[in-house]
Amino acid sequence: MVERMGKAVKLNVLERLTLNGLLPKEGSFMNLKLLRLTKEDLSFNEEENKALQFRTENNMIIWNNTVVTETGEIVPSCPDKEFIFGEVIEKLIIKALKDLDKAEKITEDHYSLYEKFMEGHEE
């Protein structure tokens, strides 16, 4: 197994969805390949999809934040997951966040991503 190197970041469901939409849709061939792989990593597997039960209501994506176990315990339906972002992808994420900030387009959904990726990269 190949050990992945880069920035380790724990992301929740909203951050995964937001980051997937934030990543560039065009670029060099090599960057597009890395972006495709990153988007696949950020996607939700069968178990996560089943637990989250994504649906659209009023043009908004909603999901179940918690589930009740057989013992009656309430637990997160999809715990935060750690991702490793290599240097190229991290730079693309930082650029996208800087561009949003410069255009004054940062939303509440971007806030935690901004904190996680921009530390030490402020101008």
PDB file of N, CA and C in Angstrom:
ATOM      1  N   MET A   1       0.843  -1.183   0.000  1.00  0.00           N
ATOM      2  CA  MET A   1       0.000   0.000   0.000  1.00  0.00           C
ATOM      3  C   MET A   1       0.888   1.246   0.000  1.00  0.00           C
ATOM      4  N   VAL A   2       0.519   2.235  -0.781  1.00  0.00           N
ATOM      5  CA  VAL A   2       1.283   3.467  -0.892  1.00  0.00           C
ATOM      6  C   VAL A   2       0.844   4.421   0.209  1.00  0.00           C
ATOM      7  N   GLU A   3       1.815   4.951   0.943  1.00  0.00           N
ATOM      8  CA  GLU A   3       1.500   5.925   1.988  1.00  0.00           C
ATOM      9  C   GLU A   3       1.315   7.291   1.339  1.00  0.00           C
ATOM     10  N   ARG A   4       0.199   7.933   1.663  1.00  0.00           N
ATOM     11  CA  ARG A   4      -0.084   9.248   1.083  1.00  0.00           C
ATOM     12  C   ARG A   4       0.538  10.326   1.948  1.00  0.00           C
ATOM     13  N   MET A   5       1.123  11.305   1.293  1.00  0.00           N
ATOM     14  CA  MET A   5       1.762  12.391   2.017  1.00  0.00           C
ATOM     15  C   MET A   5       1.027  13.678   1.699  1.00  0.00           C
ATOM     16  N   GLY A   6       0.969  14.558   2.667  1.00  0.00           N
ATOM     17  CA  GLY A   6       0.319  15.839   2.471  1.00  0.00           C
ATOM     18  C   GLY A   6      -0.350  16.306   3.739  1.00  0.00           C
ATOM     19  N   LYS A   7      -1.258  17.239   3.565  1.00  0.00           N
ATOM     20  CA  LYS A   7      -1.966  17.847   4.683  1.00  0.00           C
ATOM     21  C   LYS A   7      -3.148  16.964   5.077  1.00  0.00           C
ATOM     22  N   ALA A   8      -3.185  16.537   6.336  1.00  0.00           N
ATOM     23  CA  ALA A   8      -4.290  15.733   6.852  1.00  0.00           C
ATOM     24  C   ALA A   8      -5.354  16.679   7.414  1.00  0.00           C
ATOM     25  N   VAL A   9      -6.580  16.513   6.946  1.00  0.00           N
ATOM     26  CA  VAL A   9      -7.679  17.385   7.374  1.00  0.00           C
ATOM     27  C   VAL A   9      -8.914  16.522   7.632  1.00  0.00           C
ATOM     28  N   LYS A  10      -9.529  16.712   8.795  1.00  0.00           N
ATOM     29  CA  LYS A  10     -10.791  16.031   9.091  1.00  0.00           C
ATOM     30  C   LYS A  10     -11.930  16.904   8.584  1.00  0.00           C
ATOM     31  N   LEU A  11     -12.848  16.281   7.830  1.00  0.00           N
ATOM     32  CA  LEU A  11     -13.965  17.018   7.252  1.00  0.00           C
ATOM     33  C   LEU A  11     -15.289  16.370   7.626  1.00  0.00           C
ATOM     34  N   ASN A  12     -16.285  17.221   7.887  1.00  0.00           N
ATOM     35  CA  ASN A  12     -17.631  16.721   8.132  1.00  0.00           C
ATOM     36  C   ASN A  12     -18.396  16.670   6.803  1.00  0.00           C
ATOM     37  N   VAL A  13     -19.650  16.264   6.852  1.00  0.00           N
ATOM     38  CA  VAL A  13     -20.450  16.089   5.636  1.00  0.00           C
ATOM     39  C   VAL A  13     -20.557  17.399   4.851  1.00  0.00           C
ATOM     40  N   LEU A  14     -20.922  18.489   5.525  1.00  0.00           N
ATOM     41  CA  LEU A  14     -21.069  19.771   4.840  1.00  0.00           C
ATOM     42  C   LEU A  14     -19.755  20.218   4.212  1.00  0.00           C
ATOM     43  N   GLU A  15     -18.656  20.051   4.930  1.00  0.00           N
ATOM     44  CA  GLU A  15     -17.351  20.451   4.399  1.00  0.00           C
ATOM     45  C   GLU A  15     -16.983  19.623   3.171  1.00  0.00           C
ATOM     46  N   ARG A  16     -17.299  18.339   3.180  1.00  0.00           N
ATOM     47  CA  ARG A  16     -17.008  17.488   2.017  1.00  0.00           C
ATOM     48  C   ARG A  16     -17.806  17.945   0.805  1.00  0.00           C
ATOM     49  N   LEU A  17     -19.089  18.229   1.005  1.00  0.00           N
ATOM     50  CA  LEU A  17     -19.930  18.695  -0.095  1.00  0.00           C
ATOM     51  C   LEU A  17     -19.464  20.057  -0.608  1.00  0.00           C
ATOM     52  N   THR A  18     -19.162  20.956   0.318  1.00  0.00           N
ATOM     53  CA  THR A  18     -18.741  22.311  -0.042  1.00  0.00           C
ATOM     54  C   THR A  18     -17.405  22.280  -0.781  1.00  0.00           C
ATOM     55  N   LEU A  19     -16.457  21.507  -0.268  1.00  0.00           N
ATOM     56  CA  LEU A  19     -15.138  21.426  -0.902  1.00  0.00           C
ATOM     57  C   LEU A  19     -15.246  20.814  -2.292  1.00  0.00           C
ATOM     58  N   ASN A  20     -16.094  19.814  -2.451  1.00  0.00           N
ATOM     59  CA  ASN A  20     -16.280  19.196  -3.754  1.00  0.00           C
ATOM     60  C   ASN A  20     -16.765  20.232  -4.767  1.00  0.00           C
ATOM     61  N   GLY A  21     -17.642  21.129  -4.345  1.00  0.00           N
ATOM     62  CA  GLY A  21     -18.134  22.185  -5.230  1.00  0.00           C
ATOM     63  C   GLY A  21     -17.140  23.313  -5.430  1.00  0.00           C
ATOM     64  N   LEU A  22     -16.199  23.451  -4.520  1.00  0.00           N
ATOM     65  CA  LEU A  22     -15.209  24.523  -4.566  1.00  0.00           C
ATOM     66  C   LEU A  22     -14.040  24.201  -5.501  1.00  0.00           C
ATOM     67  N   LEU A  23     -13.760  22.925  -5.669  1.00  0.00           N
ATOM     68  CA  LEU A  23     -12.618  22.531  -6.489  1.00  0.00           C
ATOM     69  C   LEU A  23     -12.820  22.970  -7.937  1.00  0.00           C
ATOM     70  N   PRO A  24     -11.730  23.403  -8.590  1.00  0.00           N
ATOM     71  CA  PRO A  24     -11.837  23.862  -9.979  1.00  0.00           C
ATOM     72  C   PRO A  24     -12.378  22.778 -10.906  1.00  0.00           C
ATOM     73  N   LYS A  25     -13.074  23.204 -11.920  1.00  0.00           N
ATOM     74  CA  LYS A  25     -13.643  22.281 -12.902  1.00  0.00           C
ATOM     75  C   LYS A  25     -12.802  22.212 -14.169  1.00  0.00           C
ATOM     76  N   GLU A  26     -11.761  23.032 -14.247  1.00  0.00           N
ATOM     77  CA  GLU A  26     -10.870  23.013 -15.405  1.00  0.00           C
ATOM     78  C   GLU A  26      -9.458  23.339 -14.951  1.00  0.00           C
ATOM     79  N   GLY A  27      -8.495  22.956 -15.775  1.00  0.00           N
ATOM     80  CA  GLY A  27      -7.091  23.189 -15.464  1.00  0.00           C
ATOM     81  C   GLY A  27      -6.233  22.331 -16.363  1.00  0.00           C
ATOM     82  N   SER A  28      -4.988  22.123 -15.963  1.00  0.00           N
ATOM     83  CA  SER A  28      -4.097  21.279 -16.759  1.00  0.00           C
ATOM     84  C   SER A  28      -4.559  19.821 -16.652  1.00  0.00           C
ATOM     85  N   PHE A  29      -4.109  18.993 -17.615  1.00  0.00           N
ATOM     86  CA  PHE A  29      -4.488  17.583 -17.612  1.00  0.00           C
ATOM     87  C   PHE A  29      -4.108  16.919 -16.292  1.00  0.00           C
ATOM     88  N   MET A  30      -2.888  17.130 -15.826  1.00  0.00           N
ATOM     89  CA  MET A  30      -2.438  16.485 -14.586  1.00  0.00           C
ATOM     90  C   MET A  30      -3.260  16.968 -13.395  1.00  0.00           C
ATOM     91  N   ASN A  31      -3.563  18.267 -13.350  1.00  0.00           N
ATOM     92  CA  ASN A  31      -4.375  18.775 -12.246  1.00  0.00           C
ATOM     93  C   ASN A  31      -5.782  18.194 -12.292  1.00  0.00           C
ATOM     94  N   LEU A  32      -6.333  18.063 -13.504  1.00  0.00           N
ATOM     95  CA  LEU A  32      -7.676  17.493 -13.629  1.00  0.00           C
ATOM     96  C   LEU A  32      -7.714  16.055 -13.140  1.00  0.00           C
ATOM     97  N   LYS A  33      -6.659  15.324 -13.407  1.00  0.00           N
ATOM     98  CA  LYS A  33      -6.586  13.946 -12.935  1.00  0.00           C
ATOM     99  C   LYS A  33      -6.569  13.911 -11.405  1.00  0.00           C
ATOM    100  N   LEU A  34      -5.754  14.768 -10.800  1.00  0.00           N
ATOM    101  CA  LEU A  34      -5.701  14.850  -9.335  1.00  0.00           C
ATOM    102  C   LEU A  34      -7.040  15.314  -8.762  1.00  0.00           C
ATOM    103  N   LEU A  35      -7.658  16.280  -9.433  1.00  0.00           N
ATOM    104  CA  LEU A  35      -8.956  16.776  -8.973  1.00  0.00           C
ATOM    105  C   LEU A  35     -10.022  15.684  -9.035  1.00  0.00           C
ATOM    106  N   ARG A  36     -10.004  14.897 -10.096  1.00  0.00           N
ATOM    107  CA  ARG A  36     -10.969  13.802 -10.230  1.00  0.00           C
ATOM    108  C   ARG A  36     -10.795  12.810  -9.091  1.00  0.00           C
ATOM    109  N   LEU A  37      -9.559  12.451  -8.791  1.00  0.00           N
ATOM    110  CA  LEU A  37      -9.291  11.517  -7.702  1.00  0.00           C
ATOM    111  C   LEU A  37      -9.709  12.100  -6.352  1.00  0.00           C
ATOM    112  N   THR A  38      -9.458  13.386  -6.161  1.00  0.00           N
ATOM    113  CA  THR A  38      -9.843  14.044  -4.913  1.00  0.00           C
ATOM    114  C   THR A  38     -11.356  14.055  -4.762  1.00  0.00           C
ATOM    115  N   LYS A  39     -12.065  14.376  -5.838  1.00  0.00           N
ATOM    116  CA  LYS A  39     -13.535  14.391  -5.793  1.00  0.00           C
ATOM    117  C   LYS A  39     -14.085  13.001  -5.485  1.00  0.00           C
ATOM    118  N   GLU A  40     -13.445  11.974  -6.043  1.00  0.00           N
ATOM    119  CA  GLU A  40     -13.861  10.606  -5.730  1.00  0.00           C
ATOM    120  C   GLU A  40     -13.645  10.308  -4.249  1.00  0.00           C
ATOM    121  N   ASP A  41     -12.498  10.743  -3.703  1.00  0.00           N
ATOM    122  CA  ASP A  41     -12.223  10.533  -2.275  1.00  0.00           C
ATOM    123  C   ASP A  41     -13.261  11.235  -1.399  1.00  0.00           C
ATOM    124  N   LEU A  42     -13.651  12.451  -1.793  1.00  0.00           N
ATOM    125  CA  LEU A  42     -14.609  13.228  -1.003  1.00  0.00           C
ATOM    126  C   LEU A  42     -16.033  12.670  -1.099  1.00  0.00           C
ATOM    127  N   SER A  43     -16.295  11.874  -2.128  1.00  0.00           N
ATOM    128  CA  SER A  43     -17.629  11.305  -2.303  1.00  0.00           C
ATOM    129  C   SER A  43     -17.969  10.376  -1.147  1.00  0.00           C
ATOM    130  N   PHE A  44     -19.231  10.020  -1.064  1.00  0.00           N
ATOM    131  CA  PHE A  44     -19.716   9.190   0.029  1.00  0.00           C
ATOM    132  C   PHE A  44     -19.878   7.752  -0.441  1.00  0.00           C
ATOM    133  N   ASN A  45     -19.428   6.812   0.382  1.00  0.00           N
ATOM    134  CA  ASN A  45     -19.547   5.403   0.026  1.00  0.00           C
ATOM    135  C   ASN A  45     -20.975   4.908   0.302  1.00  0.00           C
ATOM    136  N   GLU A  46     -21.233   3.649  -0.031  1.00  0.00           N
ATOM    137  CA  GLU A  46     -22.580   3.072   0.117  1.00  0.00           C
ATOM    138  C   GLU A  46     -23.095   3.197   1.549  1.00  0.00           C
ATOM    139  N   GLU A  47     -22.255   2.847   2.502  1.00  0.00           N
ATOM    140  CA  GLU A  47     -22.653   2.885   3.915  1.00  0.00           C
ATOM    141  C   GLU A  47     -22.986   4.314   4.356  1.00  0.00           C
ATOM    142  N   GLU A  48     -22.149   5.269   3.967  1.00  0.00           N
ATOM    143  CA  GLU A  48     -22.398   6.664   4.320  1.00  0.00           C
ATOM    144  C   GLU A  48     -23.694   7.166   3.670  1.00  0.00           C
ATOM    145  N   ASN A  49     -23.883   6.835   2.386  1.00  0.00           N
ATOM    146  CA  ASN A  49     -25.109   7.247   1.691  1.00  0.00           C
ATOM    147  C   ASN A  49     -26.342   6.690   2.373  1.00  0.00           C
ATOM    148  N   LYS A  50     -26.277   5.451   2.767  1.00  0.00           N
ATOM    149  CA  LYS A  50     -27.422   4.811   3.429  1.00  0.00           C
ATOM    150  C   LYS A  50     -27.729   5.515   4.756  1.00  0.00           C
ATOM    151  N   ALA A  51     -26.700   5.809   5.523  1.00  0.00           N
ATOM    152  CA  ALA A  51     -26.886   6.455   6.825  1.00  0.00           C
ATOM    153  C   ALA A  51     -27.362   7.906   6.680  1.00  0.00           C
ATOM    154  N   LEU A  52     -26.814   8.614   5.695  1.00  0.00           N
ATOM    155  CA  LEU A  52     -27.136  10.037   5.532  1.00  0.00           C
ATOM    156  C   LEU A  52     -28.487  10.260   4.858  1.00  0.00           C
ATOM    157  N   GLN A  53     -28.894   9.363   3.981  1.00  0.00           N
ATOM    158  CA  GLN A  53     -30.166   9.473   3.261  1.00  0.00           C
ATOM    159  C   GLN A  53     -30.333  10.857   2.613  1.00  0.00           C
ATOM    160  N   PHE A  54     -29.391  11.211   1.745  1.00  0.00           N
ATOM    161  CA  PHE A  54     -29.439  12.493   1.042  1.00  0.00           C
ATOM    162  C   PHE A  54     -30.763  12.633   0.292  1.00  0.00           C
ATOM    163  N   ARG A  55     -31.302  13.845   0.300  1.00  0.00           N
ATOM    164  CA  ARG A  55     -32.510  14.154  -0.455  1.00  0.00           C
ATOM    165  C   ARG A  55     -32.533  15.645  -0.744  1.00  0.00           C
ATOM    166  N   THR A  56     -33.337  16.035  -1.703  1.00  0.00           N
ATOM    167  CA  THR A  56     -33.453  17.437  -2.070  1.00  0.00           C
ATOM    168  C   THR A  56     -34.830  17.945  -1.659  1.00  0.00           C
ATOM    169  N   GLU A  57     -34.838  19.059  -0.961  1.00  0.00           N
ATOM    170  CA  GLU A  57     -36.078  19.731  -0.573  1.00  0.00           C
ATOM    171  C   GLU A  57     -35.884  21.227  -0.780  1.00  0.00           C
ATOM    172  N   ASN A  58     -36.817  21.834  -1.510  1.00  0.00           N
ATOM    173  CA  ASN A  58     -36.743  23.273  -1.794  1.00  0.00           C
ATOM    174  C   ASN A  58     -35.392  23.669  -2.383  1.00  0.00           C
ATOM    175  N   ASN A  59     -34.906  22.870  -3.340  1.00  0.00           N
ATOM    176  CA  ASN A  59     -33.624  23.111  -4.016  1.00  0.00           C
ATOM    177  C   ASN A  59     -32.424  23.076  -3.081  1.00  0.00           C
ATOM    178  N   MET A  60     -32.567  22.413  -1.939  1.00  0.00           N
ATOM    179  CA  MET A  60     -31.462  22.274  -0.991  1.00  0.00           C
ATOM    180  C   MET A  60     -31.209  20.798  -0.740  1.00  0.00           C
ATOM    181  N   ILE A  61     -29.939  20.426  -0.619  1.00  0.00           N
ATOM    182  CA  ILE A  61     -29.590  19.055  -0.255  1.00  0.00           C
ATOM    183  C   ILE A  61     -29.639  18.951   1.260  1.00  0.00           C
ATOM    184  N   ILE A  62     -30.389  17.982   1.744  1.00  0.00           N
ATOM    185  CA  ILE A  62     -30.440  17.754   3.193  1.00  0.00           C
ATOM    186  C   ILE A  62     -30.105  16.293   3.467  1.00  0.00           C
ATOM    187  N   TRP A  63     -29.749  16.011   4.714  1.00  0.00           N
ATOM    188  CA  TRP A  63     -29.365  14.655   5.092  1.00  0.00           C
ATOM    189  C   TRP A  63     -29.612  14.474   6.585  1.00  0.00           C
ATOM    190  N   ASN A  64     -29.557  13.234   7.013  1.00  0.00           N
ATOM    191  CA  ASN A  64     -29.712  12.903   8.429  1.00  0.00           C
ATOM    192  C   ASN A  64     -28.371  13.091   9.123  1.00  0.00           C
ATOM    193  N   ASN A  65     -28.362  13.931  10.147  1.00  0.00           N
ATOM    194  CA  ASN A  65     -27.120  14.157  10.894  1.00  0.00           C
ATOM    195  C   ASN A  65     -26.853  13.069  11.917  1.00  0.00           C
ATOM    196  N   THR A  66     -27.918  12.444  12.413  1.00  0.00           N
ATOM    197  CA  THR A  66     -27.772  11.427  13.448  1.00  0.00           C
ATOM    198  C   THR A  66     -28.632  10.210  13.120  1.00  0.00           C
ATOM    199  N   VAL A  67     -28.271   9.107  13.741  1.00  0.00           N
ATOM    200  CA  VAL A  67     -29.067   7.887  13.663  1.00  0.00           C
ATOM    201  C   VAL A  67     -29.219   7.338  15.075  1.00  0.00           C
ATOM    202  N   VAL A  68     -30.250   6.552  15.272  1.00  0.00           N
ATOM    203  CA  VAL A  68     -30.473   5.912  16.564  1.00  0.00           C
ATOM    204  C   VAL A  68     -30.042   4.455  16.433  1.00  0.00           C
ATOM    205  N   THR A  69     -29.142   4.031  17.308  1.00  0.00           N
ATOM    206  CA  THR A  69     -28.655   2.654  17.272  1.00  0.00           C
ATOM    207  C   THR A  69     -29.713   1.718  17.840  1.00  0.00           C
ATOM    208  N   GLU A  70     -29.473   0.420  17.734  1.00  0.00           N
ATOM    209  CA  GLU A  70     -30.399  -0.579  18.274  1.00  0.00           C
ATOM    210  C   GLU A  70     -30.557  -0.446  19.774  1.00  0.00           C
ATOM    211  N   THR A  71     -29.548   0.114  20.451  1.00  0.00           N
ATOM    212  CA  THR A  71     -29.612   0.296  21.901  1.00  0.00           C
ATOM    213  C   THR A  71     -30.263   1.622  22.287  1.00  0.00           C
ATOM    214  N   GLY A  72     -30.683   2.401  21.275  1.00  0.00           N
ATOM    215  CA  GLY A  72     -31.341   3.674  21.539  1.00  0.00           C
ATOM    216  C   GLY A  72     -30.407   4.862  21.643  1.00  0.00           C
ATOM    217  N   GLU A  73     -29.128   4.616  21.434  1.00  0.00           N
ATOM    218  CA  GLU A  73     -28.138   5.689  21.502  1.00  0.00           C
ATOM    219  C   GLU A  73     -28.187   6.516  20.212  1.00  0.00           C
ATOM    220  N   ILE A  74     -28.096   7.841  20.352  1.00  0.00           N
ATOM    221  CA  ILE A  74     -28.068   8.729  19.190  1.00  0.00           C
ATOM    222  C   ILE A  74     -26.609   9.019  18.863  1.00  0.00           C
ATOM    223  N   VAL A  75     -26.231   8.682  17.621  1.00  0.00           N
ATOM    224  CA  VAL A  75     -24.842   8.850  17.189  1.00  0.00           C
ATOM    225  C   VAL A  75     -24.820   9.574  15.850  1.00  0.00           C
ATOM    226  N   PRO A  76     -23.687  10.198  15.495  1.00  0.00           N
ATOM    227  CA  PRO A  76     -23.599  10.837  14.174  1.00  0.00           C
ATOM    228  C   PRO A  76     -23.822   9.801  13.071  1.00  0.00           C
ATOM    229  N   SER A  77     -24.576  10.169  12.047  1.00  0.00           N
ATOM    230  CA  SER A  77     -24.819   9.239  10.946  1.00  0.00           C
ATOM    231  C   SER A  77     -23.572   9.047  10.093  1.00  0.00           C
ATOM    232  N   CYS A  78     -22.712  10.041  10.088  1.00  0.00           N
ATOM    233  CA  CYS A  78     -21.469   9.958   9.314  1.00  0.00           C
ATOM    234  C   CYS A  78     -20.409  10.773  10.057  1.00  0.00           C
ATOM    235  N   PRO A  79     -19.565  10.115  10.833  1.00  0.00           N
ATOM    236  CA  PRO A  79     -18.540  10.843  11.577  1.00  0.00           C
ATOM    237  C   PRO A  79     -17.583  11.585  10.652  1.00  0.00           C
ATOM    238  N   ASP A  80     -16.923  12.601  11.184  1.00  0.00           N
ATOM    239  CA  ASP A  80     -15.904  13.308  10.410  1.00  0.00           C
ATOM    240  C   ASP A  80     -14.893  12.289   9.892  1.00  0.00           C
ATOM    241  N   LYS A  81     -14.365  12.568   8.711  1.00  0.00           N
ATOM    242  CA  LYS A  81     -13.441  11.643   8.058  1.00  0.00           C
ATOM    243  C   LYS A  81     -12.162  12.392   7.709  1.00  0.00           C
ATOM    244  N   GLU A  82     -11.029  11.736   7.908  1.00  0.00           N
ATOM    245  CA  GLU A  82      -9.753  12.377   7.601  1.00  0.00           C
ATOM    246  C   GLU A  82      -9.364  12.136   6.149  1.00  0.00           C
ATOM    247  N   PHE A  83      -8.903  13.212   5.518  1.00  0.00           N
ATOM    248  CA  PHE A  83      -8.444  13.172   4.136  1.00  0.00           C
ATOM    249  C   PHE A  83      -7.022  13.709   4.095  1.00  0.00           C
ATOM    250  N   ILE A  84      -6.246  13.181   3.157  1.00  0.00           N
ATOM    251  CA  ILE A  84      -4.882  13.660   2.942  1.00  0.00           C
ATOM    252  C   ILE A  84      -4.874  14.401   1.605  1.00  0.00           C
ATOM    253  N   PHE A  85      -4.513  15.686   1.643  1.00  0.00           N
ATOM    254  CA  PHE A  85      -4.458  16.503   0.436  1.00  0.00           C
ATOM    255  C   PHE A  85      -3.002  16.795   0.111  1.00  0.00           C
ATOM    256  N   GLY A  86      -2.588  16.373  -1.079  1.00  0.00           N
ATOM    257  CA  GLY A  86      -1.222  16.632  -1.531  1.00  0.00           C
ATOM    258  C   GLY A  86      -1.023  18.116  -1.813  1.00  0.00           C
ATOM    259  N   GLU A  87       0.214  18.476  -2.075  1.00  0.00           N
ATOM    260  CA  GLU A  87       0.596  19.879  -2.268  1.00  0.00           C
ATOM    261  C   GLU A  87      -0.171  20.556  -3.407  1.00  0.00           C
ATOM    262  N   VAL A  88      -0.331  19.860  -4.531  1.00  0.00           N
ATOM    263  CA  VAL A  88      -1.013  20.461  -5.691  1.00  0.00           C
ATOM    264  C   VAL A  88      -2.475  20.761  -5.356  1.00  0.00           C
ATOM    265  N   ILE A  89      -3.164  19.789  -4.787  1.00  0.00           N
ATOM    266  CA  ILE A  89      -4.577  19.983  -4.446  1.00  0.00           C
ATOM    267  C   ILE A  89      -4.727  21.029  -3.348  1.00  0.00           C
ATOM    268  N   GLU A  90      -3.858  20.995  -2.364  1.00  0.00           N
ATOM    269  CA  GLU A  90      -3.922  21.998  -1.301  1.00  0.00           C
ATOM    270  C   GLU A  90      -3.772  23.414  -1.886  1.00  0.00           C
ATOM    271  N   LYS A  91      -2.844  23.587  -2.815  1.00  0.00           N
ATOM    272  CA  LYS A  91      -2.665  24.902  -3.442  1.00  0.00           C
ATOM    273  C   LYS A  91      -3.905  25.328  -4.225  1.00  0.00           C
ATOM    274  N   LEU A  92      -4.552  24.370  -4.916  1.00  0.00           N
ATOM    275  CA  LEU A  92      -5.779  24.682  -5.660  1.00  0.00           C
ATOM    276  C   LEU A  92      -6.911  25.074  -4.710  1.00  0.00           C
ATOM    277  N   ILE A  93      -6.993  24.391  -3.578  1.00  0.00           N
ATOM    278  CA  ILE A  93      -8.017  24.729  -2.579  1.00  0.00           C
ATOM    279  C   ILE A  93      -7.758  26.124  -2.019  1.00  0.00           C
ATOM    280  N   ILE A  94      -6.520  26.407  -1.670  1.00  0.00           N
ATOM    281  CA  ILE A  94      -6.160  27.715  -1.114  1.00  0.00           C
ATOM    282  C   ILE A  94      -6.445  28.815  -2.132  1.00  0.00           C
ATOM    283  N   LYS A  95      -6.097  28.582  -3.392  1.00  0.00           N
ATOM    284  CA  LYS A  95      -6.370  29.578  -4.431  1.00  0.00           C
ATOM    285  C   LYS A  95      -7.874  29.821  -4.553  1.00  0.00           C
ATOM    286  N   ALA A  96      -8.659  28.757  -4.564  1.00  0.00           N
ATOM    287  CA  ALA A  96     -10.114  28.906  -4.681  1.00  0.00           C
ATOM    288  C   ALA A  96     -10.676  29.693  -3.498  1.00  0.00           C
ATOM    289  N   LEU A  97     -10.184  29.415  -2.303  1.00  0.00           N
ATOM    290  CA  LEU A  97     -10.657  30.145  -1.117  1.00  0.00           C
ATOM    291  C   LEU A  97     -10.221  31.609  -1.162  1.00  0.00           C
ATOM    292  N   LYS A  98      -8.984  31.863  -1.584  1.00  0.00           N
ATOM    293  CA  LYS A  98      -8.506  33.249  -1.713  1.00  0.00           C
ATOM    294  C   LYS A  98      -9.334  34.009  -2.744  1.00  0.00           C
ATOM    295  N   ASP A  99      -9.637  33.352  -3.875  1.00  0.00           N
ATOM    296  CA  ASP A  99     -10.446  33.991  -4.917  1.00  0.00           C
ATOM    297  C   ASP A  99     -11.837  34.343  -4.393  1.00  0.00           C
ATOM    298  N   LEU A 100     -12.442  33.422  -3.637  1.00  0.00           N
ATOM    299  CA  LEU A 100     -13.760  33.700  -3.049  1.00  0.00           C
ATOM    300  C   LEU A 100     -13.689  34.865  -2.062  1.00  0.00           C
ATOM    301  N   ASP A 101     -12.633  34.858  -1.250  1.00  0.00           N
ATOM    302  CA  ASP A 101     -12.475  35.912  -0.255  1.00  0.00           C
ATOM    303  C   ASP A 101     -12.280  37.269  -0.930  1.00  0.00           C
ATOM    304  N   LYS A 102     -11.424  37.312  -1.944  1.00  0.00           N
ATOM    305  CA  LYS A 102     -11.151  38.556  -2.663  1.00  0.00           C
ATOM    306  C   LYS A 102     -12.426  39.094  -3.321  1.00  0.00           C
ATOM    307  N   ALA A 103     -13.255  38.182  -3.829  1.00  0.00           N
ATOM    308  CA  ALA A 103     -14.513  38.579  -4.479  1.00  0.00           C
ATOM    309  C   ALA A 103     -15.639  38.801  -3.463  1.00  0.00           C
ATOM    310  N   GLU A 104     -15.296  38.641  -2.175  1.00  0.00           N
ATOM    311  CA  GLU A 104     -16.268  38.764  -1.079  1.00  0.00           C
ATOM    312  C   GLU A 104     -17.446  37.817  -1.283  1.00  0.00           C
ATOM    313  N   LYS A 105     -17.121  36.567  -1.633  1.00  0.00           N
ATOM    314  CA  LYS A 105     -18.125  35.529  -1.881  1.00  0.00           C
ATOM    315  C   LYS A 105     -18.046  34.394  -0.860  1.00  0.00           C
ATOM    316  N   ILE A 106     -17.276  34.573   0.212  1.00  0.00           N
ATOM    317  CA  ILE A 106     -17.202  33.556   1.265  1.00  0.00           C
ATOM    318  C   ILE A 106     -18.561  33.488   1.955  1.00  0.00           C
ATOM    319  N   THR A 107     -19.054  32.259   2.134  1.00  0.00           N
ATOM    320  CA  THR A 107     -20.321  32.074   2.838  1.00  0.00           C
ATOM    321  C   THR A 107     -20.058  31.326   4.144  1.00  0.00           C
ATOM    322  N   GLU A 108     -21.095  31.179   4.921  1.00  0.00           N
ATOM    323  CA  GLU A 108     -21.000  30.436   6.178  1.00  0.00           C
ATOM    324  C   GLU A 108     -20.526  29.002   5.916  1.00  0.00           C
ATOM    325  N   ASP A 109     -20.928  28.430   4.779  1.00  0.00           N
ATOM    326  CA  ASP A 109     -20.513  27.068   4.442  1.00  0.00           C
ATOM    327  C   ASP A 109     -19.007  26.953   4.223  1.00  0.00           C
ATOM    328  N   HIS A 110     -18.348  28.043   3.839  1.00  0.00           N
ATOM    329  CA  HIS A 110     -16.904  28.030   3.582  1.00  0.00           C
ATOM    330  C   HIS A 110     -16.077  28.286   4.843  1.00  0.00           C
ATOM    331  N   TYR A 111     -16.724  28.796   5.886  1.00  0.00           N
ATOM    332  CA  TYR A 111     -16.019  29.294   7.065  1.00  0.00           C
ATOM    333  C   TYR A 111     -15.037  28.269   7.655  1.00  0.00           C
ATOM    334  N   SER A 112     -15.520  27.063   7.963  1.00  0.00           N
ATOM    335  CA  SER A 112     -14.639  26.079   8.603  1.00  0.00           C
ATOM    336  C   SER A 112     -13.556  25.589   7.639  1.00  0.00           C
ATOM    337  N   LEU A 113     -13.880  25.486   6.347  1.00  0.00           N
ATOM    338  CA  LEU A 113     -12.852  25.121   5.371  1.00  0.00           C
ATOM    339  C   LEU A 113     -11.767  26.190   5.316  1.00  0.00           C
ATOM    340  N   TYR A 114     -12.184  27.446   5.345  1.00  0.00           N
ATOM    341  CA  TYR A 114     -11.233  28.551   5.315  1.00  0.00           C
ATOM    342  C   TYR A 114     -10.275  28.448   6.500  1.00  0.00           C
ATOM    343  N   GLU A 115     -10.836  28.190   7.684  1.00  0.00           N
ATOM    344  CA  GLU A 115      -9.994  28.071   8.875  1.00  0.00           C
ATOM    345  C   GLU A 115      -9.018  26.895   8.759  1.00  0.00           C
ATOM    346  N   LYS A 116      -9.490  25.784   8.228  1.00  0.00           N
ATOM    347  CA  LYS A 116      -8.652  24.586   8.146  1.00  0.00           C
ATOM    348  C   LYS A 116      -7.544  24.686   7.099  1.00  0.00           C
ATOM    349  N   PHE A 117      -7.809  25.366   5.990  1.00  0.00           N
ATOM    350  CA  PHE A 117      -6.826  25.408   4.909  1.00  0.00           C
ATOM    351  C   PHE A 117      -6.005  26.688   4.862  1.00  0.00           C
ATOM    352  N   MET A 118      -6.507  27.777   5.396  1.00  0.00           N
ATOM    353  CA  MET A 118      -5.835  29.063   5.216  1.00  0.00           C
ATOM    354  C   MET A 118      -4.875  29.421   6.340  1.00  0.00           C
ATOM    355  N   GLU A 119      -4.861  28.655   7.402  1.00  0.00           N
ATOM    356  CA  GLU A 119      -3.948  28.951   8.504  1.00  0.00           C
ATOM    357  C   GLU A 119      -2.517  28.971   7.965  1.00  0.00           C
ATOM    358  N   GLY A 120      -1.847  30.101   8.148  1.00  0.00           N
ATOM    359  CA  GLY A 120      -0.480  30.265   7.664  1.00  0.00           C
ATOM    360  C   GLY A 120      -0.399  30.715   6.212  1.00  0.00           C
ATOM    361  N   HIS A 121      -1.560  30.871   5.550  1.00  0.00           N
ATOM    362  CA  HIS A 121      -1.572  31.282   4.138  1.00  0.00           C
ATOM    363  C   HIS A 121      -2.245  32.632   3.933  1.00  0.00           C
ATOM    364  N   GLU A 122      -2.517  33.329   5.023  1.00  0.00           N
ATOM    365  CA  GLU A 122      -3.140  34.646   4.893  1.00  0.00           C
ATOM    366  C   GLU A 122      -2.120  35.608   4.319  1.00  0.00           C
ATOM    367  N   GLU A 123      -2.636  36.592   3.588  1.00  0.00           N
ATOM    368  CA  GLU A 123      -1.717  37.574   3.003  1.00  0.00           C
ATOM    369  C   GLU A 123      -1.661  38.811   3.843  1.00  0.00           C
TER     370      GLU A 123
END
